[in-house]
Protein backbone atom coordinates (compact mmCIF):
# COMPACT_ATOMS: atom_id res chain seq x y z
CA UNK A 1 -243.28 3.05 -11.38
CA UNK A 2 -246.03 3.81 -13.74
CA UNK A 3 -245.58 3.19 -17.55
CA UNK A 4 -246.61 6.16 -19.69
CA UNK A 5 -248.91 5.09 -22.86
CA UNK A 6 -247.56 3.04 -25.58
CA UNK A 7 -246.60 4.77 -28.94
CA UNK A 8 -249.42 4.50 -31.46
CA UNK A 9 -247.94 1.44 -33.18
CA UNK A 10 -247.75 -0.82 -29.82
CA UNK A 11 -250.27 -2.34 -27.99
CA UNK A 12 -250.49 -2.29 -24.30
CA UNK A 13 -249.52 -5.52 -22.79
CA UNK A 14 -252.24 -7.23 -20.71
CA UNK A 15 -250.15 -7.29 -17.43
CA UNK A 16 -249.61 -3.45 -17.96
CA UNK A 17 -253.26 -2.86 -18.33
CA UNK A 18 -254.13 -4.76 -15.18
CA UNK A 19 -251.52 -2.72 -13.16
CA UNK A 20 -252.86 0.58 -14.57
CA UNK A 21 -256.26 -0.47 -13.30
CA UNK A 22 -255.20 -1.91 -9.97
CA UNK A 23 -256.48 1.03 -7.77
CA UNK A 24 -259.72 0.48 -9.61
CA UNK A 25 -259.91 -3.27 -8.93
CA UNK A 26 -259.38 -6.56 -10.70
CA UNK A 27 -259.83 -6.33 -14.56
CA UNK A 28 -259.58 -8.90 -17.39
CA UNK A 29 -258.06 -8.21 -20.77
CA UNK A 30 -259.58 -10.15 -23.93
CA UNK A 31 -257.72 -9.70 -27.14
CA UNK A 32 -259.82 -8.71 -30.04
CA UNK A 33 -259.46 -7.01 -33.41
CA UNK A 34 -255.84 -5.87 -33.14
CA UNK A 35 -256.60 -4.26 -29.66
CA UNK A 36 -258.08 -5.44 -26.36
CA UNK A 37 -261.56 -5.15 -24.51
CA UNK A 38 -260.81 -4.30 -20.91
CA UNK A 39 -263.45 -5.92 -18.55
CA UNK A 40 -264.56 -5.78 -14.79
CA UNK A 41 -267.46 -7.90 -13.47
CA UNK A 42 -267.92 -9.26 -17.00
CA UNK A 43 -268.76 -5.82 -18.46
CA UNK A 44 -266.57 -4.30 -21.03
CA UNK A 45 -265.95 -0.77 -19.93
CA UNK A 46 -262.50 0.31 -21.71
CA UNK A 47 -260.72 -0.79 -24.61
CA UNK A 48 -257.03 -0.53 -25.82
CA UNK A 49 -256.33 0.08 -29.58
CA UNK A 50 -252.98 1.25 -30.93
CA UNK A 51 -251.34 1.79 -27.63
CA UNK A 52 -254.33 3.87 -26.29
CA UNK A 53 -256.78 3.18 -23.69
CA UNK A 54 -260.33 4.53 -24.10
CA UNK A 55 -263.05 4.48 -21.50
CA UNK A 56 -266.67 3.89 -21.97
CA UNK A 57 -268.80 7.41 -22.16
CA UNK A 58 -272.07 8.62 -22.65
CA UNK A 59 -274.10 11.74 -22.51
CA UNK A 60 -273.72 11.96 -18.85
CA UNK A 61 -269.91 11.43 -18.80
CA UNK A 62 -268.97 12.95 -22.29
CA UNK A 63 -268.36 16.50 -20.91
CA UNK A 64 -265.52 15.47 -18.46
CA UNK A 65 -263.95 13.95 -21.64
CA UNK A 66 -264.53 17.13 -23.77
CA UNK A 67 -262.88 19.11 -21.04
CA UNK A 68 -259.75 17.08 -21.19
CA UNK A 69 -259.72 17.30 -24.97
CA UNK A 70 -260.30 13.56 -25.43
CA UNK A 71 -261.62 12.35 -28.84
CA UNK A 72 -263.83 9.28 -29.19
CA UNK A 73 -262.60 6.04 -30.37
CA UNK A 74 -263.16 5.79 -34.19
CA UNK A 75 -262.29 3.18 -36.74
CA UNK A 76 -262.81 2.55 -40.36
CA UNK A 77 -265.81 0.11 -41.13
CA UNK A 78 -266.06 -2.60 -43.69
CA UNK A 79 -268.08 -0.10 -46.04
CA UNK A 80 -265.09 2.45 -45.83
CA UNK A 81 -266.91 4.78 -43.53
CA UNK A 82 -265.61 6.15 -40.49
CA UNK A 83 -267.53 4.73 -37.42
CA UNK A 84 -267.64 6.34 -33.92
CA UNK A 85 -267.80 4.30 -30.81
CA UNK A 86 -269.14 5.32 -27.29
CA UNK A 87 -265.52 5.29 -25.92
CA UNK A 88 -263.22 8.13 -25.34
CA UNK A 89 -259.58 8.44 -25.21
CA UNK A 90 -258.39 8.29 -21.68
CA UNK A 91 -256.59 11.46 -20.44
CA UNK A 92 -252.87 10.99 -20.53
CA UNK A 93 -252.36 12.37 -17.09
CA UNK A 94 -254.29 9.26 -15.67
CA UNK A 95 -251.69 6.79 -16.51
CA UNK A 96 -249.35 8.29 -13.86
CA UNK A 97 -252.34 8.87 -11.26
CA UNK A 98 -253.76 5.50 -10.34
CA UNK A 99 -256.44 7.11 -7.63
CA UNK A 100 -257.76 9.66 -10.48
CA UNK A 101 -257.57 6.67 -12.99
CA UNK A 102 -259.74 4.47 -10.47
CA UNK A 103 -262.28 7.37 -10.16
CA UNK A 104 -262.71 7.67 -14.07
CA UNK A 105 -262.63 3.67 -14.27
CA UNK A 106 -265.53 3.57 -12.21
CA UNK A 107 -267.51 6.05 -13.94
CA UNK A 108 -266.65 4.32 -17.33
CA UNK A 109 -267.94 0.93 -15.57
CA UNK A 110 -271.15 2.53 -14.30
CA UNK A 111 -271.66 3.91 -17.75
CA UNK A 112 -271.00 0.30 -19.29
CA UNK A 113 -273.44 -1.05 -16.82
CA UNK A 114 -276.12 1.37 -17.91
CA UNK A 115 -275.66 0.59 -21.46
CA UNK A 116 -275.83 -3.15 -20.82
CA UNK A 117 -278.90 -2.95 -18.83
CA UNK A 118 -280.50 -1.28 -21.68
CA UNK A 119 -279.30 -4.03 -24.00
CA UNK A 120 -279.78 -7.13 -21.77
CA UNK A 121 -276.36 -8.84 -21.58
CA UNK A 122 -274.69 -6.97 -24.36
CA UNK A 123 -271.37 -6.04 -23.66
CA UNK A 124 -270.94 -8.69 -20.99
CA UNK A 125 -268.58 -11.84 -21.27
CA UNK A 126 -270.32 -15.04 -20.97
CA UNK A 127 -270.09 -16.74 -17.69
CA UNK A 128 -267.56 -19.73 -17.33
CA UNK A 129 -270.43 -22.13 -17.40
CA UNK A 130 -272.18 -20.58 -20.50
CA UNK A 131 -269.02 -20.58 -22.35
CA UNK A 132 -268.63 -24.50 -21.58
CA UNK A 133 -272.14 -25.01 -22.65
CA UNK A 134 -271.43 -23.12 -25.93
CA UNK A 135 -268.35 -25.32 -26.70
CA UNK A 136 -270.28 -28.59 -25.92
């Protein structure tokens, strides 16, 4: 049984996130800033905040999100101004449609790969060997 999205004050547990994306493939969830980053192949392609999942978007994929009425992820920056990130709210209908969610996740992952390629390793989790070296 698919879980619908959490209410706005909740976070989505990592095991639920992994189940939601199971048709897409294996994902890892890394808690951060009161939410979570969602990674595939070491690249963050989605995030969870306040019980809502957002997918990476760019000028190529934004029209699909706009057609669905999905707003960008925003937060209040340290200077008190509203900051907008390149992630869009995942359409609610995808929480109950694993095949369509997988299609949208593949698009978000491709978007994140394009962004990472333009920034070197930005958006990637360090490899296990690199993390060990950083701790040493």
